[in-house]
Each structure stands twice: as C-alpha cells, then as structure tokens.
Amino acid sequence: MSLRPPITDLNIPTESSGFYQGFSKFVALGSKICIGALILWAVAFPESAGAILKSIRGTIDANTGRWYMYVMTFYIVVCLALALYPATGRIRLGGVDSKPEFSSFSWFSMMFGAGIGIGMLTYATGEPLFHFGTNPDVIMGTTEGSAADNVRAAMKWSFLHWGFSAWGCYAIVGLALAFFSYSRGLPLTIRSGLTPLLGRSLEGPLGHIIDIVSVIATILGVSVTLGYGVSQFAAGIYNITGAEWIMNEGAPTNISMLICLIIVMFFSTMSALSGVGKGIKWLSNINMGLSFFILAFFLVFGSTMFALSSLFTGIWDYVVNLPMMSMTVWTADADPESVASKLAGWQGGWTIFYWAWWIAFAPFVGLFLARISKGRTIREYVLGAMIVPSIMCFVWFTFAGGTAIDLTLNGGAGDAITGAGLSSQLFAMINFMLSPALATLMSIVIVVLLLTYLVTSADSAVLIINTIAAAGDESPKGRVHIITWGVILTLVIGGLLLAGGLGAINTAMIIGALPFSFVMMLMGISLVKALLRDGMREKDAASEAPAE
C-alpha cells in the first residue's frame, strides 16, 4: 500500500488589512499579552515576582533534571545519525538544485554570532576558572581543587556545556525547520516542524499556541544572553573609563546595565530593519574578524603551550566521557553536605541551567540557522552547525580560560583574576598581562566585539520573532512591528533586572524553556518520521516503475 503524499502547505490565517496585515494576529497579539503581563508583574511587584519565580524554579530544578539530561542527549543522537547515514546525509535542504545564499565564512559567522558569541566572551574565562576550583571530580575526590591535576577536569566539564549538546540543541530545530520549509514548502515557523505528527490541526489554535510558546521561550532565552552581555559590556566600559557609578562591589550597577541595554537595543533594531543580507551579515563578519584577532592575541601573548595542551587533552577527555557526562543524573539526599547533594547542586546550578538556556535559545537560533542554511546538505549542515562551532568554543575556552588558569597557577596572578566578578574576569586578566595603556586599548577591542555580538544576537532575535508572528514570512516586513519587538525585548530585560537582577532573568528563562523542550523532542521525531517515509515513498515509486 502506497503512502499518502506529505503535507506541503499550511494555511496559517493572517490579517488582510489593518495594523496586523500579513501577520497572525493570534500569535503576535497573544505573545505580546503574555510578555506584557510578565513585564508589568516584574515592574509593579518586583519582590513578589522575584520570590514566586524563585519558588517555581526550585520545583523545576528538583523534578526535571533527568528530563533535561536525557532529552539533550536525544538531540545530539538524532543530528549525528541523520548526518552519518548516507541516504539522509546527502539530502540537500531546498532540493537538489538549491544553492547556498551565503558564503561559508558568512554562514558560519552568522551562526556563531547568533548562537553563542556573547556568552562565550563572558564564560570563556570565568567557567574554566570556576571548574578549576571545583567540579564533580573535585567533589568526588578524584582531583584536587585549584591544583595542577585539576586542569583537565576543568576543561572537560567546561566543554560539556559549550560543545555538542548546546549546538545539537540548536541544530535539531534548524534542521527540522530548514527541511520542512525549503524541501516541503511549508512556512518558516516552528509549527511547521511538527506536521508529520499533528498534520492540519497546526493550522488552528494548537499551532498558534506552539508558536506563542516559541516566541516566549525566544524572548526569555535571548534575555539571559543579553543580560550577561550588557553586564560584561558595562564592566568593559568601567575598565576603560574608571567611572565609579558603573560598578558596585565588583558587579555592574542596574543603572549602568540599563543604559548599556538601551544602546545595544537601539543599534539592534536598526540592524534588524535592514534584514539578514545586510546589517546582520556584515556585523557577523566584523565580529568574527575581531574574534580571530583576540584569539591571535592570546596565541601570541597568552599561555600558548599550556592552552594547546589543554585543548587536545580536553577534546579527548570530552569525547571519551561525553556519554557518561550526558547521561549521569545526580540526586540529592537528606544531608546537604553529602557528596550526592553537592553533586546534585553542581549539576543543577551548571548543567541543568545550561540545558534550559540552550533550549530557550533554540527557537530563535534554530529558525535563524534554517533561514541561512538553504542549499546545504544535511551532512554539511550538521558539520557547520554542530561540530565546527563546538571546536571553536573549545579553542576559545582553552586560550582564554587556559591562560587565566596558567596565570593563576604558575604566573603569580594570585586572586587578581579569580577574585573579580564573572563579568570582569576577562578584563582583569588583560589588566594583569599588559601595561595600563595596552590594557585599555585591548579592552576597547573587546568592548567593540561585545557590542557587535550583542547587536547581532538581538537583531537576529527580533527578526526571527517577527518571522514567527508573520506566519513564516522571511522578509523584514512590518517595520513598526520590528521596532515594537525591539522595545518589548528591552522592557523584558529591564523589568527582570529590576525584579532581581540576572538571577530573575535566569529563573524566568528556565521556566519558559521547559514547555519548548517537549516541542523540540517532537520536532526531532517528526523529522525522522518524515525522512523515513520519504525513503519508503522512493522505494514504492521504484518498485512500481515499468521495466525498460
């Protein structure tokens, strides 16, 4: 019995006139109402909002750790399996005659800048330093914290959070959307990735709700990234100017972060109005060039041999231990000082937090990856969207973080770097390595790179949110809507900062990520089902063809 042909169209209702002309009013207005309620709540009742968000997060942390660990592993397995299997790996997104719109360098630059750039600058120094002091190996007693034998463990656990899991999370969403949009002709919106499972029901309220969940997750995920980014941006401005009002007890003040946020979002909105092929493309190329410049600085002036050794041993340790690190779930017991409780606390504060962060960021990055990946094969896509960016992160962490560890361990830095706040550690390392004049010049370069990364992530997010609200229309339509989403994103971050700083933003993101993690799992299943059925249709067609 032959299979029915796949769905190649979704009739998503859009307005024919008025303010929301060309947009799905249910999705656009519903998303704004939900986000608006969050902003009003956070600003009007900051203490109550902060307490309730913290309570909800505690419940999520206590009950969803196992789910997050296993579902992230599922995303990696699906991407690698589809890339390695010959029949699926050579499928070209958009058809056999489709050609890539962007050069490989621009393609990779936009992926990397939108996907991880800001967080990498913040954590490339801070996370290896933290894990150098403590990590699961230290807690279990197999290595000693802040000692030479703990360097490999510090890199291994840092790589876990910025490697295949993070990029596999993005890749599964982007691959599903690129296939269903460019090979099947469906709208470039999240609901299209579920058509093999939910069919025509996605044209109604169910599809609208899925897109609204995606918009909310995107806004909250981007809020975390921009929150950390503007924090480091403010720390960089302080390192250059020395203005006391910017910092308080080693951390940026809320007023300095709000000013930096307004600056970033202004430029981001202007870039989003120009579309992907202009502002976003050129900014991505600029920040990639500056990234290579800073890497070259660490290559020449940093702990080069220490970093290279950490890179190769770290990759080996990461690949060998990835199944264990991805599938092991630690559970706390009654004694908060026990090894089990400490391991569970570390995993909840680091790994589970990261998995929720990547999932909340995935609808935005995934849809953006799909938007710029038409014409690539599945194998090429997975290599470019999952493997290469992971290696780039590993290089950053070993050259920036490895240099910081070596200066602390062998270079006489003491607590000059480790004693600085997370947002300031990269600048503290630059100050220790260079003379004041050169440190200021290097800080200016880093601040400019931060600004381009911030603008690239924010403008890409605004454009993608607008695409989802416009039922998958990829053009930068509705200039007033692009400006509106830029303002909304600014207000969300500002409101959550007032409600409890970066902690409140993190908590809101973790809450918003949970429902979308189920959507992502269904997208992976839908993609596998669609490719299997396409293979069965090809076999049926071949068997029914008359012999020559």
Protein backbone atom coordinates (compact mmCIF):
# COMPACT_ATOMS: atom_id res chain seq x y z
CA MET A 1 0.00 0.00 0.00
CA SER A 2 1.49 3.34 -1.05
CA LEU A 3 1.83 6.14 1.50
CA ARG A 4 -0.14 9.35 1.24
CA PRO A 5 1.88 12.31 -0.05
CA PRO A 6 3.30 14.63 2.63
CA ILE A 7 1.69 17.94 3.57
CA THR A 8 3.31 20.69 1.52
CA ASP A 9 1.24 23.65 2.68
CA LEU A 10 -0.13 25.01 5.94
CA ASN A 11 -2.91 27.58 5.79
CA ILE A 12 -1.99 29.83 8.71
CA PRO A 13 -4.58 32.62 8.86
CA THR A 14 -3.14 36.15 8.61
CA GLU A 15 -4.83 39.53 8.65
CA SER A 16 -5.65 41.06 5.26
CA SER A 17 -5.78 44.65 6.49
CA GLY A 18 -5.14 46.87 9.48
CA PHE A 19 -2.18 47.09 11.86
CA TYR A 20 -1.54 43.33 11.76
CA GLN A 21 -1.80 42.98 7.99
CA GLY A 22 0.25 39.97 6.91
CA PHE A 23 0.64 38.74 10.49
CA SER A 24 -1.04 36.01 12.50
CA LYS A 25 -2.96 38.20 14.92
CA PHE A 26 -3.44 35.35 17.39
CA VAL A 27 0.32 34.71 17.60
CA ALA A 28 1.50 38.34 17.51
CA LEU A 29 -1.08 39.68 19.95
CA GLY A 30 -1.07 36.59 22.19
CA SER A 31 2.72 36.74 22.56
CA LYS A 32 2.61 40.45 23.38
CA ILE A 33 -0.10 39.95 26.00
CA CYS A 34 1.85 37.17 27.75
CA ILE A 35 5.12 39.10 27.67
CA GLY A 36 3.38 42.35 28.64
CA ALA A 37 1.86 40.68 31.69
CA LEU A 38 5.32 39.45 32.72
CA ILE A 39 6.80 42.96 32.35
CA LEU A 40 4.01 44.62 34.37
CA TRP A 41 4.24 41.98 37.08
CA ALA A 42 8.02 42.26 37.37
CA VAL A 43 7.99 46.07 37.47
CA ALA A 44 4.91 46.58 39.67
CA PHE A 45 5.68 43.84 42.19
CA PRO A 46 9.43 43.19 41.97
CA GLU A 47 9.83 41.50 45.36
CA SER A 48 6.78 39.25 44.95
CA ALA A 49 7.73 38.42 41.36
CA GLY A 50 11.27 37.53 42.36
CA ALA A 51 10.08 35.27 45.18
CA ILE A 52 7.48 33.43 43.08
CA LEU A 53 9.91 32.94 40.18
CA LYS A 54 12.48 31.54 42.61
CA SER A 55 9.92 29.12 44.08
CA ILE A 56 8.84 27.86 40.66
CA ARG A 57 12.47 27.38 39.65
CA GLY A 58 13.13 25.34 42.80
CA THR A 59 10.32 22.98 41.84
CA ILE A 60 11.60 22.68 38.27
CA ASP A 61 15.19 22.07 39.40
CA ALA A 62 14.04 19.33 41.76
CA ASN A 63 11.89 17.45 39.26
CA THR A 64 13.10 17.98 35.71
CA GLY A 65 16.86 17.36 35.86
CA ARG A 66 16.58 13.84 34.50
CA TRP A 67 14.34 15.00 31.63
CA TYR A 68 16.75 17.76 30.58
CA MET A 69 19.76 15.43 30.66
CA TYR A 70 18.13 12.73 28.53
CA VAL A 71 16.37 14.97 26.03
CA MET A 72 19.60 16.88 25.26
CA THR A 73 21.27 13.55 24.52
CA PHE A 74 18.39 12.72 22.17
CA TYR A 75 19.03 15.91 20.16
CA ILE A 76 22.71 15.01 19.66
CA VAL A 77 21.94 11.44 18.61
CA VAL A 78 19.33 12.48 16.04
CA CYS A 79 21.61 15.08 14.41
CA LEU A 80 24.63 12.77 14.21
CA ALA A 81 22.57 9.82 12.97
CA LEU A 82 20.98 11.83 10.14
CA ALA A 83 24.35 13.28 9.11
CA LEU A 84 26.24 9.97 9.17
CA TYR A 85 23.58 7.84 7.47
CA PRO A 86 24.39 8.11 3.72
CA ALA A 87 20.81 8.28 2.46
CA THR A 88 19.88 11.23 4.69
CA GLY A 89 23.27 12.92 4.91
CA ARG A 90 23.32 13.82 1.21
CA ILE A 91 19.81 15.33 1.15
CA ARG A 92 20.03 18.98 0.13
CA LEU A 93 17.84 21.42 2.05
CA GLY A 94 15.73 23.08 -0.60
CA GLY A 95 16.06 20.44 -3.32
CA VAL A 96 18.85 19.03 -5.45
CA ASP A 97 19.27 22.24 -7.45
CA SER A 98 19.28 24.60 -4.47
CA LYS A 99 22.42 26.72 -3.92
CA PRO A 100 23.60 28.35 -0.66
CA GLU A 101 22.71 32.03 -0.34
CA PHE A 102 25.77 32.91 1.77
CA SER A 103 29.47 32.10 1.55
CA SER A 104 30.78 29.53 4.03
CA PHE A 105 32.55 32.24 6.08
CA SER A 106 29.45 34.46 6.33
CA TRP A 107 27.28 31.41 7.03
CA PHE A 108 29.50 30.26 9.87
CA SER A 109 29.96 33.82 11.19
CA MET A 110 26.20 34.41 11.43
CA MET A 111 25.63 31.02 13.09
CA PHE A 112 28.34 31.55 15.64
CA GLY A 113 27.49 35.18 16.39
CA ALA A 114 23.80 34.49 16.87
CA GLY A 115 24.29 31.18 18.69
CA ILE A 116 26.87 31.72 21.38
CA GLY A 117 29.15 34.71 20.82
CA ILE A 118 28.16 36.86 23.83
CA GLY A 119 28.06 34.08 26.38
CA MET A 120 31.37 32.75 25.15
CA LEU A 121 33.09 36.06 25.90
CA THR A 122 31.61 36.07 29.41
CA TYR A 123 32.24 32.43 30.26
CA ALA A 124 35.42 31.58 28.29
CA THR A 125 37.47 32.90 31.20
CA GLY A 126 35.04 32.52 34.08
CA GLU A 127 33.86 28.94 33.67
CA PRO A 128 37.25 27.19 33.36
CA LEU A 129 38.41 29.22 36.37
CA PHE A 130 35.37 28.17 38.40
CA HIS A 131 35.72 24.49 37.48
CA PHE A 132 39.43 24.72 38.19
CA GLY A 133 38.38 25.38 41.78
CA THR A 134 35.59 22.82 41.99
CA ASN A 135 33.80 20.36 39.71
CA PRO A 136 32.34 16.85 40.05
CA ASP A 137 35.83 15.29 40.01
CA VAL A 138 36.87 17.51 42.92
CA ILE A 139 33.63 16.78 44.80
CA MET A 140 34.17 13.03 44.36
CA GLY A 141 37.81 13.35 45.43
CA THR A 142 39.48 12.19 42.21
CA THR A 143 41.24 15.55 41.69
CA GLU A 144 42.24 18.43 43.94
CA GLY A 145 40.64 21.83 43.50
CA SER A 146 42.89 24.64 42.24
CA ALA A 147 45.74 22.20 41.69
CA ALA A 148 47.60 21.21 38.53
CA ASP A 149 45.91 17.80 38.33
CA ASN A 150 42.50 19.51 38.06
CA VAL A 151 43.17 21.39 34.79
CA ARG A 152 41.98 18.54 32.56
CA ALA A 153 38.82 18.05 34.60
CA ALA A 154 38.09 21.80 34.48
CA MET A 155 38.29 21.80 30.69
CA LYS A 156 36.30 18.60 30.33
CA TRP A 157 33.34 19.94 32.28
CA SER A 158 33.54 23.34 30.57
CA PHE A 159 33.49 21.66 27.16
CA LEU A 160 30.38 19.70 28.17
CA HIS A 161 28.32 22.88 28.46
CA TRP A 162 29.56 24.53 25.25
CA GLY A 163 30.03 21.55 22.96
CA PHE A 164 27.85 19.14 21.02
CA SER A 165 24.92 19.39 23.44
CA ALA A 166 24.49 23.15 23.00
CA TRP A 167 24.92 23.14 19.24
CA GLY A 168 22.97 19.90 18.79
CA CYS A 169 20.09 21.64 20.55
CA TYR A 170 20.19 24.45 18.00
CA ALA A 171 20.87 22.13 15.07
CA ILE A 172 17.84 19.88 15.63
CA VAL A 173 15.46 22.85 15.44
CA GLY A 174 17.20 24.42 12.46
CA LEU A 175 17.41 21.14 10.57
CA ALA A 176 13.73 20.37 11.06
CA LEU A 177 12.64 23.85 10.01
CA ALA A 178 15.00 24.00 7.01
CA PHE A 179 13.78 20.63 5.75
CA PHE A 180 10.07 21.30 6.18
CA SER A 181 10.29 24.88 4.91
CA TYR A 182 12.69 24.54 1.98
CA SER A 183 12.22 20.91 0.96
CA ARG A 184 8.49 20.68 1.69
CA GLY A 185 7.47 24.30 1.04
CA LEU A 186 5.93 24.89 4.48
CA PRO A 187 6.06 28.27 6.24
CA LEU A 188 9.30 29.06 8.11
CA THR A 189 7.77 28.88 11.56
CA ILE A 190 8.05 26.49 14.49
CA ARG A 191 4.76 24.69 13.96
CA SER A 192 5.88 23.50 10.51
CA GLY A 193 8.38 21.18 12.18
CA LEU A 194 5.53 19.12 13.67
CA THR A 195 3.43 18.49 10.55
CA PRO A 196 4.22 14.73 10.26
CA LEU A 197 2.80 14.23 13.76
CA LEU A 198 -0.01 16.80 14.08
CA GLY A 199 -1.00 17.47 10.45
CA ARG A 200 -3.70 20.00 9.61
CA SER A 201 -4.51 20.68 13.28
CA LEU A 202 -1.48 23.00 13.23
CA GLU A 203 -3.48 25.47 11.11
CA GLY A 204 -5.66 26.29 14.12
CA PRO A 205 -5.27 27.15 17.82
CA LEU A 206 -2.83 24.30 18.52
CA GLY A 207 -0.35 25.71 16.00
CA HIS A 208 -0.85 29.23 17.34
CA ILE A 209 -0.06 28.08 20.88
CA ILE A 210 3.11 26.31 19.72
CA ASP A 211 4.31 29.50 18.00
CA ILE A 212 3.45 31.61 21.07
CA VAL A 213 5.43 29.25 23.32
CA SER A 214 8.32 29.59 20.86
CA VAL A 215 8.19 33.39 20.93
CA ILE A 216 8.11 33.47 24.74
CA ALA A 217 10.99 30.99 25.02
CA THR A 218 12.97 33.03 22.49
CA ILE A 219 12.47 36.31 24.32
CA LEU A 220 13.42 34.78 27.69
CA GLY A 221 16.42 32.91 26.26
CA VAL A 222 17.73 35.98 24.47
CA SER A 223 17.13 38.00 27.65
CA VAL A 224 19.61 35.81 29.55
CA THR A 225 22.23 36.15 26.84
CA LEU A 226 21.78 39.90 26.53
CA GLY A 227 21.66 40.27 30.32
CA TYR A 228 25.10 38.69 30.71
CA GLY A 229 26.33 40.52 27.63
CA VAL A 230 25.37 44.00 28.83
CA SER A 231 26.81 43.14 32.25
CA GLN A 232 30.20 42.43 30.68
CA PHE A 233 29.77 45.41 28.34
CA ALA A 234 29.32 47.66 31.39
CA ALA A 235 32.34 46.05 33.07
CA GLY A 236 34.38 46.78 29.94
CA ILE A 237 33.30 50.43 29.90
CA TYR A 238 34.32 50.66 33.57
CA ASN A 239 37.70 49.10 32.79
CA ILE A 240 38.26 51.76 30.10
CA THR A 241 36.85 54.82 31.87
CA GLY A 242 37.08 54.00 35.60
CA ALA A 243 33.68 55.67 36.19
CA GLU A 244 32.68 54.64 39.74
CA TRP A 245 28.90 54.73 39.13
CA ILE A 246 29.17 51.82 36.69
CA MET A 247 30.31 49.23 39.25
CA ASN A 248 29.33 48.40 42.82
CA GLU A 249 31.23 45.79 44.84
CA GLY A 250 32.70 44.18 41.73
CA ALA A 251 29.41 43.95 39.79
CA PRO A 252 27.78 46.39 37.33
CA THR A 253 25.01 48.53 38.78
CA ASN A 254 21.48 48.19 37.43
CA ILE A 255 21.51 51.74 36.07
CA SER A 256 24.70 51.12 34.09
CA MET A 257 23.28 47.88 32.69
CA LEU A 258 20.02 49.58 31.72
CA ILE A 259 21.90 52.34 29.87
CA CYS A 260 24.05 49.79 28.04
CA LEU A 261 20.91 47.79 27.23
CA ILE A 262 19.20 50.80 25.63
CA ILE A 263 22.30 51.49 23.50
CA VAL A 264 22.52 47.87 22.34
CA MET A 265 18.82 47.55 21.53
CA PHE A 266 18.78 50.81 19.56
CA PHE A 267 21.52 49.57 17.23
CA SER A 268 19.96 46.09 17.13
CA THR A 269 16.60 47.37 15.99
CA MET A 270 18.22 49.49 13.29
CA SER A 271 20.17 46.45 12.06
CA ALA A 272 17.05 44.24 12.10
CA LEU A 273 15.25 46.75 9.89
CA SER A 274 17.93 46.20 7.22
CA GLY A 275 17.36 42.42 7.12
CA VAL A 276 19.64 39.36 7.19
CA GLY A 277 21.57 40.04 3.99
CA LYS A 278 22.79 43.49 5.02
CA GLY A 279 23.20 44.58 8.66
CA ILE A 280 23.22 41.13 10.26
CA LYS A 281 25.58 39.66 7.66
CA TRP A 282 28.11 42.49 7.87
CA LEU A 283 28.03 42.69 11.65
CA SER A 284 28.58 38.93 11.84
CA ASN A 285 31.60 39.18 9.57
CA ILE A 286 33.02 42.02 11.70
CA ASN A 287 32.61 40.19 15.00
CA MET A 288 34.14 37.02 13.57
CA GLY A 289 37.17 39.01 12.40
CA LEU A 290 37.55 40.64 15.83
CA SER A 291 37.18 37.21 17.47
CA PHE A 292 40.10 35.88 15.44
CA PHE A 293 42.10 38.98 16.37
CA ILE A 294 41.58 38.36 20.10
CA LEU A 295 42.40 34.67 19.66
CA ALA A 296 45.60 35.67 17.87
CA PHE A 297 46.42 37.92 20.84
CA PHE A 298 46.11 35.00 23.25
CA LEU A 299 48.07 32.81 20.84
CA VAL A 300 50.99 35.26 20.87
CA PHE A 301 50.86 36.73 24.38
CA GLY A 302 48.95 34.10 26.32
CA SER A 303 49.97 30.73 27.73
CA THR A 304 50.24 29.16 24.28
CA MET A 305 51.71 25.75 25.09
CA PHE A 306 49.53 25.38 28.18
CA ALA A 307 46.46 26.26 26.07
CA LEU A 308 47.34 23.89 23.23
CA SER A 309 47.93 21.04 25.67
CA SER A 310 44.60 21.80 27.38
CA LEU A 311 42.85 21.92 24.01
CA PHE A 312 43.93 18.49 22.77
CA THR A 313 43.65 16.68 26.10
CA GLY A 314 40.36 18.46 26.79
CA ILE A 315 38.82 17.37 23.49
CA TRP A 316 39.98 13.78 24.09
CA ASP A 317 38.59 13.74 27.65
CA TYR A 318 35.35 15.34 26.49
CA VAL A 319 34.68 12.91 23.63
CA VAL A 320 35.58 9.84 25.73
CA ASN A 321 33.48 10.94 28.71
CA LEU A 322 30.58 12.54 26.82
CA PRO A 323 28.18 9.57 27.24
CA MET A 324 28.83 9.47 30.98
CA MET A 325 28.61 13.23 31.44
CA SER A 326 25.44 13.47 29.33
CA MET A 327 23.54 10.59 30.92
CA THR A 328 24.57 10.69 34.60
CA VAL A 329 21.95 12.29 36.85
CA TRP A 330 22.88 13.04 40.46
CA THR A 331 20.17 13.17 43.12
CA ALA A 332 20.49 14.98 46.45
CA ASP A 333 19.85 13.17 49.72
CA ALA A 334 18.81 14.38 53.17
CA ASP A 335 22.31 15.58 54.09
CA PRO A 336 23.09 18.84 52.27
CA GLU A 337 26.82 18.31 52.92
CA SER A 338 26.97 14.82 51.43
CA VAL A 339 28.78 14.11 48.16
CA ALA A 340 25.47 13.25 46.46
CA SER A 341 23.89 16.57 47.47
CA LYS A 342 26.93 18.56 46.37
CA LEU A 343 26.99 16.79 43.01
CA ALA A 344 23.26 17.42 42.53
CA GLY A 345 23.73 21.08 43.47
CA TRP A 346 26.58 21.48 41.00
CA GLN A 347 24.59 19.80 38.22
CA GLY A 348 21.50 21.92 38.87
CA GLY A 349 23.46 25.16 39.01
CA TRP A 350 25.55 24.45 35.93
CA THR A 351 24.46 21.67 33.59
CA ILE A 352 20.68 21.91 34.04
CA PHE A 353 20.87 25.71 33.88
CA TYR A 354 22.81 25.49 30.62
CA TRP A 355 20.45 22.92 29.08
CA ALA A 356 17.49 25.17 29.85
CA TRP A 357 19.39 28.17 28.45
CA TRP A 358 20.19 26.43 25.16
CA ILE A 359 16.62 25.13 24.83
CA ALA A 360 15.15 28.60 25.44
CA PHE A 361 17.59 30.00 22.86
CA ALA A 362 16.87 27.20 20.35
CA PRO A 363 13.68 28.51 18.66
CA PHE A 364 15.49 31.73 17.77
CA VAL A 365 18.86 30.23 16.79
CA GLY A 366 17.26 27.19 15.12
CA LEU A 367 14.94 29.27 12.96
CA PHE A 368 17.82 31.62 12.15
CA LEU A 369 20.03 28.66 11.18
CA ALA A 370 17.27 27.38 8.92
CA ARG A 371 16.89 30.83 7.38
CA ILE A 372 20.57 31.00 6.35
CA SER A 373 21.15 27.29 5.51
CA LYS A 374 19.07 26.75 2.40
CA GLY A 375 21.10 24.86 -0.21
CA ARG A 376 23.29 22.97 2.30
CA THR A 377 23.19 19.17 2.60
CA ILE A 378 22.16 17.66 5.93
CA ARG A 379 25.72 16.38 6.45
CA GLU A 380 27.18 19.80 5.66
CA TYR A 381 24.62 21.47 7.89
CA VAL A 382 25.40 19.29 10.92
CA LEU A 383 29.14 19.74 10.38
CA GLY A 384 28.75 23.52 10.12
CA ALA A 385 26.07 23.99 12.78
CA MET A 386 27.20 21.48 15.41
CA ILE A 387 30.78 20.20 15.04
CA VAL A 388 32.73 23.26 13.86
CA PRO A 389 31.15 25.74 16.34
CA SER A 390 31.85 23.31 19.19
CA ILE A 391 35.53 23.18 18.25
CA MET A 392 35.59 26.99 18.02
CA CYS A 393 34.23 27.19 21.58
CA PHE A 394 36.85 24.69 22.77
CA VAL A 395 39.61 26.87 21.27
CA TRP A 396 38.23 29.96 22.98
CA PHE A 397 37.95 28.25 26.35
CA THR A 398 41.46 26.84 26.29
CA PHE A 399 43.16 30.02 25.07
CA ALA A 400 41.22 32.49 27.25
CA GLY A 401 40.37 30.25 30.20
CA GLY A 402 43.59 28.23 29.95
CA THR A 403 45.68 31.39 30.04
CA ALA A 404 43.75 32.58 33.12
CA ILE A 405 44.33 29.24 34.86
CA ASP A 406 48.03 29.23 33.98
CA LEU A 407 48.49 32.80 35.22
CA THR A 408 46.72 31.86 38.46
CA LEU A 409 48.59 28.57 38.87
CA ASN A 410 52.07 29.47 37.61
CA GLY A 411 52.13 33.15 36.65
CA GLY A 412 51.79 34.85 40.01
CA ALA A 413 48.31 36.29 39.42
CA GLY A 414 47.06 35.11 42.81
CA ASP A 415 43.42 36.13 43.14
CA ALA A 416 43.73 39.09 40.76
CA ILE A 417 41.64 37.19 38.17
CA THR A 418 39.67 34.72 40.29
CA GLY A 419 38.68 37.48 42.73
CA ALA A 420 36.98 39.53 40.02
CA GLY A 421 33.29 39.05 39.23
CA LEU A 422 32.24 36.86 36.32
CA SER A 423 31.67 39.88 34.06
CA SER A 424 35.07 41.36 34.90
CA GLN A 425 37.41 38.35 34.80
CA LEU A 426 38.39 38.72 31.14
CA PHE A 427 39.30 42.37 31.73
CA ALA A 428 41.11 41.50 34.97
CA MET A 429 43.27 39.05 33.01
CA ILE A 430 44.04 41.68 30.35
CA ASN A 431 44.98 44.16 33.09
CA PHE A 432 47.37 41.63 34.65
CA MET A 433 49.00 40.71 31.32
CA LEU A 434 49.50 44.17 29.83
CA SER A 435 50.61 47.67 30.74
CA PRO A 436 47.78 50.09 31.61
CA ALA A 437 47.87 51.76 28.18
CA LEU A 438 47.87 48.49 26.23
CA ALA A 439 45.24 47.01 28.56
CA THR A 440 42.96 49.97 27.78
CA LEU A 441 43.44 49.52 24.03
CA MET A 442 42.73 45.78 24.27
CA SER A 443 39.68 46.48 26.44
CA ILE A 444 38.34 48.80 23.73
CA VAL A 445 38.68 46.00 21.16
CA ILE A 446 36.84 43.56 23.46
CA VAL A 447 34.08 46.11 24.15
CA VAL A 448 33.59 46.70 20.42
CA LEU A 449 33.42 42.91 19.88
CA LEU A 450 30.91 42.62 22.71
CA LEU A 451 28.78 45.34 21.13
CA THR A 452 28.78 43.64 17.72
CA TYR A 453 27.91 40.28 19.30
CA LEU A 454 25.14 41.86 21.36
CA VAL A 455 23.70 43.67 18.37
CA THR A 456 23.95 40.55 16.16
CA SER A 457 22.13 38.36 18.70
CA ALA A 458 19.46 40.93 19.47
CA ASP A 459 18.72 41.95 15.88
CA SER A 460 18.60 38.32 14.76
CA ALA A 461 16.18 37.56 17.59
CA VAL A 462 13.92 40.48 16.70
CA LEU A 463 13.85 39.42 13.06
CA ILE A 464 13.07 35.80 13.94
CA ILE A 465 10.29 36.74 16.37
CA ASN A 466 8.80 38.88 13.62
CA THR A 467 9.04 35.94 11.20
CA ILE A 468 7.16 33.62 13.58
CA ALA A 469 4.47 36.26 14.16
CA ALA A 470 4.17 36.75 10.36
CA ALA A 471 3.33 33.04 9.85
CA GLY A 472 6.79 32.29 8.46
CA ASP A 473 7.21 35.24 6.11
CA GLU A 474 11.00 35.73 5.96
CA SER A 475 11.08 39.31 4.66
CA PRO A 476 11.72 42.08 7.21
CA LYS A 477 8.11 43.21 6.84
CA GLY A 478 6.23 45.48 9.18
CA ARG A 479 8.90 47.98 10.25
CA VAL A 480 6.74 49.14 13.12
CA HIS A 481 6.46 45.54 14.33
CA ILE A 482 10.25 45.09 14.26
CA ILE A 483 10.60 48.26 16.33
CA THR A 484 7.86 47.06 18.69
CA TRP A 485 9.59 43.72 19.33
CA GLY A 486 12.86 45.56 19.95
CA VAL A 487 11.14 47.71 22.57
CA ILE A 488 9.45 44.66 24.13
CA LEU A 489 12.75 42.79 24.41
CA THR A 490 14.33 45.84 26.05
CA LEU A 491 11.45 46.14 28.54
CA VAL A 492 11.59 42.42 29.43
CA ILE A 493 15.29 42.54 30.25
CA GLY A 494 14.96 45.86 32.09
CA GLY A 495 11.93 44.68 34.08
CA LEU A 496 13.54 41.43 35.14
CA LEU A 497 16.73 43.27 36.11
CA LEU A 498 14.63 45.45 38.43
CA ALA A 499 12.83 42.36 39.80
CA GLY A 500 16.02 40.63 40.88
CA GLY A 501 18.92 41.21 38.55
CA LEU A 502 20.42 38.46 36.41
CA GLY A 503 19.08 35.80 38.79
CA ALA A 504 15.48 36.74 37.96
CA ILE A 505 16.24 36.64 34.21
CA ASN A 506 17.82 33.18 34.59
CA THR A 507 14.84 31.90 36.54
CA ALA A 508 12.26 33.20 34.05
CA MET A 509 14.25 31.62 31.21
CA ILE A 510 14.37 28.20 32.89
CA ILE A 511 10.59 28.31 33.39
CA GLY A 512 9.98 29.29 29.77
CA ALA A 513 12.34 26.63 28.40
CA LEU A 514 10.52 23.64 29.88
CA PRO A 515 7.47 23.52 27.54
CA PHE A 516 9.61 24.16 24.47
CA SER A 517 11.88 21.21 25.32
CA PHE A 518 8.89 18.94 24.58
CA VAL A 519 8.23 20.77 21.30
CA MET A 520 11.87 20.19 20.30
CA MET A 521 11.64 16.48 21.08
CA LEU A 522 8.55 16.22 18.86
CA MET A 523 10.38 18.12 16.11
CA GLY A 524 13.17 15.52 16.18
CA ILE A 525 10.66 12.68 15.99
CA SER A 526 8.78 14.44 13.18
CA LEU A 527 11.96 14.90 11.14
CA VAL A 528 12.97 11.26 11.48
CA LYS A 529 9.45 10.14 10.60
CA ALA A 530 9.34 12.39 7.51
CA LEU A 531 12.72 11.19 6.21
CA LEU A 532 11.83 7.54 6.77
CA ARG A 533 8.54 7.96 4.92
CA ASP A 534 10.26 9.77 2.07
CA GLY A 535 12.60 6.81 1.75
CA MET A 536 9.63 4.42 1.70
CA ARG A 537 7.92 6.51 -1.00
CA GLU A 538 11.05 6.37 -3.15
CA LYS A 539 11.17 2.59 -2.82
CA ASP A 540 7.47 2.30 -3.71
CA ALA A 541 7.96 4.51 -6.76
CA ALA A 542 10.97 2.47 -7.88
CA SER A 543 9.12 -0.83 -7.50
CA GLU A 544 6.08 0.44 -9.42
CA ALA A 545 8.10 1.86 -12.33
CA PRO A 546 7.82 -0.24 -15.51
CA ALA A 547 10.94 -2.14 -16.58
CA GLU A 548 12.80 -0.78 -19.58
